[in-house]
C-alpha atoms as a PDB file:
ATOM      1  CA  MET A   1      -1.901 -14.120  26.026  1.00  0.00           C
ATOM      2  CA  ALA A   2      -3.183 -14.000  22.467  1.00  0.00           C
ATOM      3  CA  GLN A   3      -6.883 -13.365  21.970  1.00  0.00           C
ATOM      4  CA  LYS A   4      -8.856 -16.368  20.775  1.00  0.00           C
ATOM      5  CA  LEU A   5      -9.834 -16.471  17.122  1.00  0.00           C
ATOM      6  CA  SER A   6     -13.195 -17.510  15.748  1.00  0.00           C
ATOM      7  CA  ASN A   7     -13.336 -20.482  13.393  1.00  0.00           C
ATOM      8  CA  MET A   8     -13.603 -18.189  10.360  1.00  0.00           C
ATOM      9  CA  GLN A   9     -10.712 -16.010  11.548  1.00  0.00           C
ATOM     10  CA  GLN A  10      -8.589 -19.150  11.925  1.00  0.00           C
ATOM     11  CA  ARG A  11      -9.488 -20.209   8.392  1.00  0.00           C
ATOM     12  CA  ILE A  12      -8.674 -16.784   6.963  1.00  0.00           C
ATOM     13  CA  LEU A  13      -5.348 -16.605   8.803  1.00  0.00           C
ATOM     14  CA  SER A  14      -4.413 -20.076   7.577  1.00  0.00           C
ATOM     15  CA  SER A  15      -5.363 -19.167   4.017  1.00  0.00           C
ATOM     16  CA  ILE A  16      -3.159 -16.056   4.122  1.00  0.00           C
ATOM     17  CA  ILE A  17      -0.185 -18.031   5.425  1.00  0.00           C
ATOM     18  CA  LYS A  18      -0.658 -20.810   2.858  1.00  0.00           C
ATOM     19  CA  TYR A  19      -1.101 -18.403  -0.068  1.00  0.00           C
ATOM     20  CA  THR A  20       1.933 -16.349   0.897  1.00  0.00           C
ATOM     21  CA  GLU A  21       4.138 -19.414   1.314  1.00  0.00           C
ATOM     22  CA  ASN A  22       3.057 -20.707  -2.112  1.00  0.00           C
ATOM     23  CA  ASN A  23       3.598 -17.367  -3.880  1.00  0.00           C
ATOM     24  CA  ASP A  24       7.134 -16.365  -2.896  1.00  0.00           C
ATOM     25  CA  GLY A  25       6.084 -14.079  -0.042  1.00  0.00           C
ATOM     26  CA  ARG A  26       3.278 -12.340  -1.934  1.00  0.00           C
ATOM     27  CA  PRO A  27       0.138 -11.891   0.214  1.00  0.00           C
ATOM     28  CA  PRO A  28      -3.326 -12.556  -1.245  1.00  0.00           C
ATOM     29  CA  THR A  29      -5.946 -10.024  -2.293  1.00  0.00           C
ATOM     30  CA  TYR A  30      -9.317  -9.838  -0.527  1.00  0.00           C
ATOM     31  CA  ARG A  31     -10.856 -11.715  -3.444  1.00  0.00           C
ATOM     32  CA  GLU A  32      -8.278 -14.494  -3.242  1.00  0.00           C
ATOM     33  CA  ILE A  33      -8.887 -14.853   0.490  1.00  0.00           C
ATOM     34  CA  GLY A  34     -12.617 -15.024  -0.167  1.00  0.00           C
ATOM     35  CA  GLN A  35     -12.133 -17.757  -2.753  1.00  0.00           C
ATOM     36  CA  ALA A  36     -10.038 -19.776  -0.297  1.00  0.00           C
ATOM     37  CA  VAL A  37     -12.592 -19.613   2.522  1.00  0.00           C
ATOM     38  CA  ARG A  38     -15.683 -19.528   0.265  1.00  0.00           C
ATOM     39  CA  ILE A  39     -16.890 -16.037   1.155  1.00  0.00           C
ATOM     40  CA  THR A  40     -18.101 -13.872  -1.726  1.00  0.00           C
ATOM     41  CA  SER A  41     -18.565 -10.632   0.242  1.00  0.00           C
ATOM     42  CA  LEU A  42     -15.421  -8.498   0.313  1.00  0.00           C
ATOM     43  CA  GLY A  43     -17.029  -6.596   3.193  1.00  0.00           C
ATOM     44  CA  GLN A  44     -17.049  -9.758   5.306  1.00  0.00           C
ATOM     45  CA  ILE A  45     -13.398 -10.377   4.477  1.00  0.00           C
ATOM     46  CA  ALA A  46     -12.556  -6.801   5.500  1.00  0.00           C
ATOM     47  CA  TYR A  47     -14.453  -7.296   8.785  1.00  0.00           C
ATOM     48  CA  HIS A  48     -12.504 -10.436   9.688  1.00  0.00           C
ATOM     49  CA  LEU A  49      -9.158  -8.915   8.657  1.00  0.00           C
ATOM     50  CA  LYS A  50      -9.861  -5.955  10.938  1.00  0.00           C
ATOM     51  CA  ALA A  51     -10.541  -8.383  13.784  1.00  0.00           C
ATOM     52  CA  LEU A  52      -7.292 -10.260  13.076  1.00  0.00           C
ATOM     53  CA  GLU A  53      -5.409  -6.960  13.074  1.00  0.00           C
ATOM     54  CA  GLU A  54      -6.994  -5.793  16.336  1.00  0.00           C
ATOM     55  CA  LYS A  55      -6.130  -9.131  17.968  1.00  0.00           C
ATOM     56  CA  GLY A  56      -2.503  -8.772  16.878  1.00  0.00           C
ATOM     57  CA  TYR A  57      -2.289 -11.620  14.362  1.00  0.00           C
ATOM     58  CA  ILE A  58      -1.688  -9.524  11.260  1.00  0.00           C
ATOM     59  CA  GLN A  59      -0.462  -6.046  10.314  1.00  0.00           C
ATOM     60  CA  ARG A  60      -1.628  -3.966   7.374  1.00  0.00           C
ATOM     61  CA  VAL A  61      -0.540  -0.707   5.771  1.00  0.00           C
ATOM     62  CA  ARG A  62      -3.243   1.921   5.321  1.00  0.00           C
ATOM     63  CA  ASN A  63      -4.453   2.393   1.715  1.00  0.00           C
ATOM     64  CA  ILE A  64      -2.014  -0.197   0.397  1.00  0.00           C
ATOM     65  CA  SER A  65      -3.142  -3.342  -1.381  1.00  0.00           C
ATOM     66  CA  ARG A  66      -1.431  -6.699  -0.726  1.00  0.00           C
ATOM     67  CA  SER A  67       0.003  -5.295   2.506  1.00  0.00           C
ATOM     68  CA  ILE A  68      -0.908  -8.082   4.949  1.00  0.00           C
ATOM     69  CA  LYS A  69       1.886  -9.236   7.251  1.00  0.00           C
ATOM     70  CA  VAL A  70       1.271 -12.251   9.468  1.00  0.00           C
ATOM     71  CA  VAL A  71       2.938 -11.678  12.855  1.00  0.00           C
ATOM     72  CA  LYS A  72       1.368 -14.558  14.832  1.00  0.00           C
ATOM     73  CA  ASP A  73       0.378 -18.062  13.846  1.00  0.00           C
ATOM     74  CA  GLY A  74      -2.983 -19.653  14.610  1.00  0.00           C
ATOM     75  CA  GLN A  75      -1.849 -20.594  18.114  1.00  0.00           C
ATOM     76  CA  GLY A  76      -0.851 -17.027  18.931  1.00  0.00           C
ATOM     77  CA  SER A  77       2.908 -17.602  18.741  1.00  0.00           C
ATOM     78  CA  SER A  78       4.928 -14.713  17.346  1.00  0.00           C
ATOM     79  CA  LEU A  79       6.663 -15.356  14.057  1.00  0.00           C
ATOM     80  CA  SER A  80      10.392 -14.665  14.147  1.00  0.00           C
ATOM     81  CA  SER A  81      10.284 -13.429  10.562  1.00  0.00           C
ATOM     82  CA  PRO A  82       6.976 -11.766   9.628  1.00  0.00           C
ATOM     83  CA  ILE A  83       5.650 -12.501   6.160  1.00  0.00           C
ATOM     84  CA  ALA A  84       6.574  -9.541   3.959  1.00  0.00           C
ATOM     85  CA  ILE A  85       4.838  -7.795   1.098  1.00  0.00           C
ATOM     86  CA  ALA A  86       6.331  -9.082  -2.123  1.00  0.00           C
ATOM     87  CA  ALA A  87       5.609  -9.747  -5.757  1.00  0.00           C
ATOM     88  CA  GLY A  88       7.102 -11.042  -8.968  1.00  0.00           C
ATOM     89  CA  PRO A  89       9.101  -9.261 -11.676  1.00  0.00           C
ATOM     90  CA  PRO A  90       8.052  -5.823 -13.028  1.00  0.00           C
ATOM     91  CA  ARG A  91       6.108  -7.279 -15.940  1.00  0.00           C
ATOM     92  CA  THR A  92       3.595  -8.744 -13.450  1.00  0.00           C
ATOM     93  CA  ILE A  93       2.818  -5.440 -11.736  1.00  0.00           C
ATOM     94  CA  MET A  94       0.076  -4.354 -14.119  1.00  0.00           C
ATOM     95  CA  SER A  95      -1.721  -7.653 -13.499  1.00  0.00           C
ATOM     96  CA  ALA A  96      -2.221  -6.491  -9.919  1.00  0.00           C
ATOM     97  CA  ILE A  97      -4.432  -3.703 -11.263  1.00  0.00           C
ATOM     98  CA  GLU A  98      -6.604  -6.266 -13.033  1.00  0.00           C
ATOM     99  CA  GLU A  99      -6.812  -8.454  -9.910  1.00  0.00           C
ATOM    100  CA  GLU A 100      -7.889  -5.474  -7.795  1.00  0.00           C
ATOM    101  CA  GLU A 101     -10.329  -4.028 -10.333  1.00  0.00           C
ATOM    102  CA  GLN A 102     -12.643  -2.808  -7.555  1.00  0.00           C
ATOM    103  CA  LEU A 103      -9.840  -0.575  -6.249  1.00  0.00           C
ATOM    104  CA  PHE A 104      -8.162   0.633  -9.430  1.00  0.00           C
ATOM    105  CA  PRO A 105      -9.641   2.355 -12.476  1.00  0.00           C
ATOM    106  CA  LYS A 106      -8.522   1.516 -16.003  1.00  0.00           C
ATOM    107  CA  LYS A 107      -6.307   4.605 -16.034  1.00  0.00           C
ATOM    108  CA  ALA A 108      -4.230   3.515 -13.020  1.00  0.00           C
ATOM    109  CA  PHE A 109      -0.497   3.603 -13.690  1.00  0.00           C
ATOM    110  CA  VAL A 110       2.759   2.326 -12.219  1.00  0.00           C
ATOM    111  CA  LEU A 111       5.788   4.349 -11.087  1.00  0.00           C
ATOM    112  CA  PRO A 112       9.158   3.238  -9.680  1.00  0.00           C
ATOM    113  CA  ILE A 113      10.286   4.569  -6.299  1.00  0.00           C
ATOM    114  CA  GLU A 114      13.667   6.235  -5.813  1.00  0.00           C
ATOM    115  CA  GLY A 115      14.825   7.244  -2.346  1.00  0.00           C
ATOM    116  CA  ASN A 116      13.752   6.565   1.232  1.00  0.00           C
ATOM    117  CA  SER A 117      11.376   9.391   2.100  1.00  0.00           C
ATOM    118  CA  MET A 118       8.411   7.050   2.720  1.00  0.00           C
ATOM    119  CA  ILE A 119      10.013   4.131   4.534  1.00  0.00           C
ATOM    120  CA  GLU A 120       7.692   4.326   7.561  1.00  0.00           C
ATOM    121  CA  ASP A 121       4.770   3.764   5.183  1.00  0.00           C
ATOM    122  CA  ALA A 122       6.542   0.633   3.875  1.00  0.00           C
ATOM    123  CA  ILE A 123       7.476   2.268   0.560  1.00  0.00           C
ATOM    124  CA  PHE A 124      11.155   1.643  -0.139  1.00  0.00           C
ATOM    125  CA  ASP A 125      13.759   2.516  -2.744  1.00  0.00           C
ATOM    126  CA  GLY A 126      13.334   0.177  -5.719  1.00  0.00           C
ATOM    127  CA  ASP A 127       9.649  -0.517  -5.067  1.00  0.00           C
ATOM    128  CA  TYR A 128       6.861   0.188  -7.541  1.00  0.00           C
ATOM    129  CA  ILE A 129       3.650   2.014  -6.699  1.00  0.00           C
ATOM    130  CA  ILE A 130       0.244   1.756  -8.364  1.00  0.00           C
ATOM    131  CA  VAL A 131      -1.331   5.202  -8.655  1.00  0.00           C
ATOM    132  CA  ASP A 132      -5.040   6.006  -8.964  1.00  0.00           C
ATOM    133  CA  PRO A 133      -5.429   9.322 -10.857  1.00  0.00           C
ATOM    134  CA  ARG A 134      -9.001   9.918  -9.717  1.00  0.00           C
ATOM    135  CA  GLN A 135      -9.745  13.037  -7.639  1.00  0.00           C
ATOM    136  CA  PRO A 136     -10.336  14.490  -5.083  1.00  0.00           C
ATOM    137  CA  ILE A 137      -7.479  13.946  -2.663  1.00  0.00           C
ATOM    138  CA  ALA A 138      -8.086  14.016   1.103  1.00  0.00           C
ATOM    139  CA  ASP A 139      -5.795  14.985   3.961  1.00  0.00           C
ATOM    140  CA  GLY A 140      -3.486  12.129   4.870  1.00  0.00           C
ATOM    141  CA  ASP A 141      -3.552  10.470   1.445  1.00  0.00           C
ATOM    142  CA  ILE A 142      -0.251   9.356  -0.041  1.00  0.00           C
ATOM    143  CA  VAL A 143      -0.002  11.210  -3.333  1.00  0.00           C
ATOM    144  CA  VAL A 144       2.230  11.596  -6.360  1.00  0.00           C
ATOM    145  CA  ALA A 145       2.797  15.303  -7.035  1.00  0.00           C
ATOM    146  CA  THR A 146       4.840  17.135  -9.657  1.00  0.00           C
ATOM    147  CA  HIS A 147       6.296  20.652  -9.531  1.00  0.00           C
ATOM    148  CA  LEU A 148       5.642  21.947 -13.022  1.00  0.00           C
ATOM    149  CA  ALA A 149       7.901  24.986 -12.812  1.00  0.00           C
ATOM    150  CA  ALA A 150      10.841  22.807 -11.856  1.00  0.00           C
ATOM    151  CA  VAL A 151      10.424  20.095 -14.453  1.00  0.00           C
ATOM    152  CA  GLY A 152       8.769  22.012 -17.261  1.00  0.00           C
ATOM    153  CA  SER A 153       6.119  19.424 -18.074  1.00  0.00           C
ATOM    154  CA  GLU A 154       3.050  17.719 -16.673  1.00  0.00           C
ATOM    155  CA  LEU A 155       4.811  14.355 -16.498  1.00  0.00           C
ATOM    156  CA  GLY A 156       8.175  15.360 -15.131  1.00  0.00           C
ATOM    157  CA  ALA A 157       9.944  14.258 -11.950  1.00  0.00           C
ATOM    158  CA  ALA A 158       7.502  13.342  -9.207  1.00  0.00           C
ATOM    159  CA  THR A 159       7.527  13.290  -5.423  1.00  0.00           C
ATOM    160  CA  VAL A 160       5.609  10.845  -3.232  1.00  0.00           C
ATOM    161  CA  LYS A 161       4.406  12.251   0.100  1.00  0.00           C
ATOM    162  CA  ARG A 162       1.383  12.424   2.390  1.00  0.00           C
ATOM    163  CA  PHE A 163      -0.816  15.404   1.524  1.00  0.00           C
ATOM    164  CA  TYR A 164      -2.186  17.869   4.092  1.00  0.00           C
ATOM    165  CA  GLN A 165      -3.942  21.191   3.472  1.00  0.00           C
ATOM    166  CA  GLU A 166      -3.232  23.604   6.323  1.00  0.00           C
ATOM    167  CA  GLY A 167      -4.974  26.913   5.796  1.00  0.00           C
ATOM    168  CA  GLU A 168      -2.997  28.927   3.252  1.00  0.00           C
ATOM    169  CA  ARG A 169      -0.358  26.286   2.682  1.00  0.00           C
ATOM    170  CA  ILE A 170       0.076  22.665   1.669  1.00  0.00           C
ATOM    171  CA  ARG A 171       2.255  20.266   3.656  1.00  0.00           C
ATOM    172  CA  LEU A 172       3.876  17.354   1.827  1.00  0.00           C
ATOM    173  CA  GLN A 173       4.896  15.052   4.660  1.00  0.00           C
ATOM    174  CA  PRO A 174       7.575  12.377   4.263  1.00  0.00           C
ATOM    175  CA  ALA A 175       7.377   9.156   6.268  1.00  0.00           C
ATOM    176  CA  ASN A 176      10.979   9.303   7.406  1.00  0.00           C
ATOM    177  CA  PRO A 177      11.944  10.933  10.724  1.00  0.00           C
ATOM    178  CA  GLU A 178      15.221  12.135   9.215  1.00  0.00           C
ATOM    179  CA  MET A 179      13.458  14.210   6.542  1.00  0.00           C
ATOM    180  CA  ALA A 180      11.599  17.507   6.958  1.00  0.00           C
ATOM    181  CA  PRO A 181       8.187  18.198   5.423  1.00  0.00           C
ATOM    182  CA  LEU A 182       7.852  20.387   2.345  1.00  0.00           C
ATOM    183  CA  TYR A 183       5.568  23.422   2.747  1.00  0.00           C
ATOM    184  CA  VAL A 184       4.050  25.066  -0.333  1.00  0.00           C
ATOM    185  CA  ASP A 185       2.063  28.297  -0.408  1.00  0.00           C
ATOM    186  CA  ALA A 186      -1.527  27.646  -1.543  1.00  0.00           C
ATOM    187  CA  GLN A 187      -1.256  30.016  -4.513  1.00  0.00           C
ATOM    188  CA  GLU A 188       2.024  28.459  -5.615  1.00  0.00           C
ATOM    189  CA  TRP A 189       0.435  25.039  -5.223  1.00  0.00           C
ATOM    190  CA  ASP A 190      -2.458  25.949  -7.492  1.00  0.00           C
ATOM    191  CA  ASN A 191      -0.199  27.502 -10.132  1.00  0.00           C
ATOM    192  CA  GLU A 192       2.876  25.296 -10.115  1.00  0.00           C
ATOM    193  CA  TRP A 193       1.946  21.883  -8.722  1.00  0.00           C
ATOM    194  CA  ARG A 194      -0.211  19.020  -9.958  1.00  0.00           C
ATOM    195  CA  VAL A 195      -1.396  15.955  -8.052  1.00  0.00           C
ATOM    196  CA  GLN A 196      -1.034  13.020 -10.436  1.00  0.00           C
ATOM    197  CA  GLY A 197      -2.964  10.639  -8.192  1.00  0.00           C
ATOM    198  CA  GLN A 198      -3.232   8.706  -4.960  1.00  0.00           C
ATOM    199  CA  VAL A 199      -0.978   5.752  -4.142  1.00  0.00           C
ATOM    200  CA  LYS A 200      -3.206   2.683  -3.875  1.00  0.00           C
ATOM    201  CA  ALA A 201      -0.695  -0.165  -3.754  1.00  0.00           C
ATOM    202  CA  VAL A 202       3.000  -0.837  -3.334  1.00  0.00           C
ATOM    203  CA  VAL A 203       4.893  -3.715  -4.913  1.00  0.00           C
ATOM    204  CA  HIS A 204       8.086  -4.980  -3.309  1.00  0.00           C
ATOM    205  CA  LEU A 205      10.274  -6.955  -5.703  1.00  0.00           C
ATOM    206  CA  LEU A 206      11.977 -10.057  -4.417  1.00  0.00           C
ATOM    207  CA  LYS A 207      15.717 -10.010  -4.976  1.00  0.00           C
ATOM    208  CA  SER A 208      17.004 -13.154  -6.635  1.00  0.00           C
ATOM    209  CA  LYS A 209      19.680 -15.069  -4.754  1.00  0.00           C
ATOM    210  CA  LYS A 210      23.005 -15.345  -6.524  1.00  0.00           C
END
């Protein structure tokens, strides 16, 4: 039996469903939810979203903006097709940085994703990620890292993995059970690798129907 929602939680859940339906599967930001339910405190919105998640009505991806998936309606019935993360064409991606100005600095940048190494973190081939270049990076963060020796420049080919410092080595952990982690000696890491930033949001592009 689904846990009962408070009046405000019902309103927030309804606002998420309505916004997503009206925006081609694109979930709202905290600010947009607040505007819909007339709450100005983003902290209050975060509190109620946590409650909705704990009660099983929504799912979210850690450290990813616009990652709300509704899995139950207001009556507690499971949705056969959960609302997915989605957004418009590539030219609209940078507007997400402006909408989430409290999360992203002015120097945030966008990168396309190639490959399936992070699928369990809901980052798929063809997606775009918004990267925050500010430091420091903590264990467990999803980062963009470049191997300078391999590419010959600061802005060469990049890899997206979860970062872990383990004594005298660094572990770059994929989110795909079929892929092994990459281990880098700490000295090699300092000399040959650069962290370009932390992944703060993922944008899934809707495929047009032919």
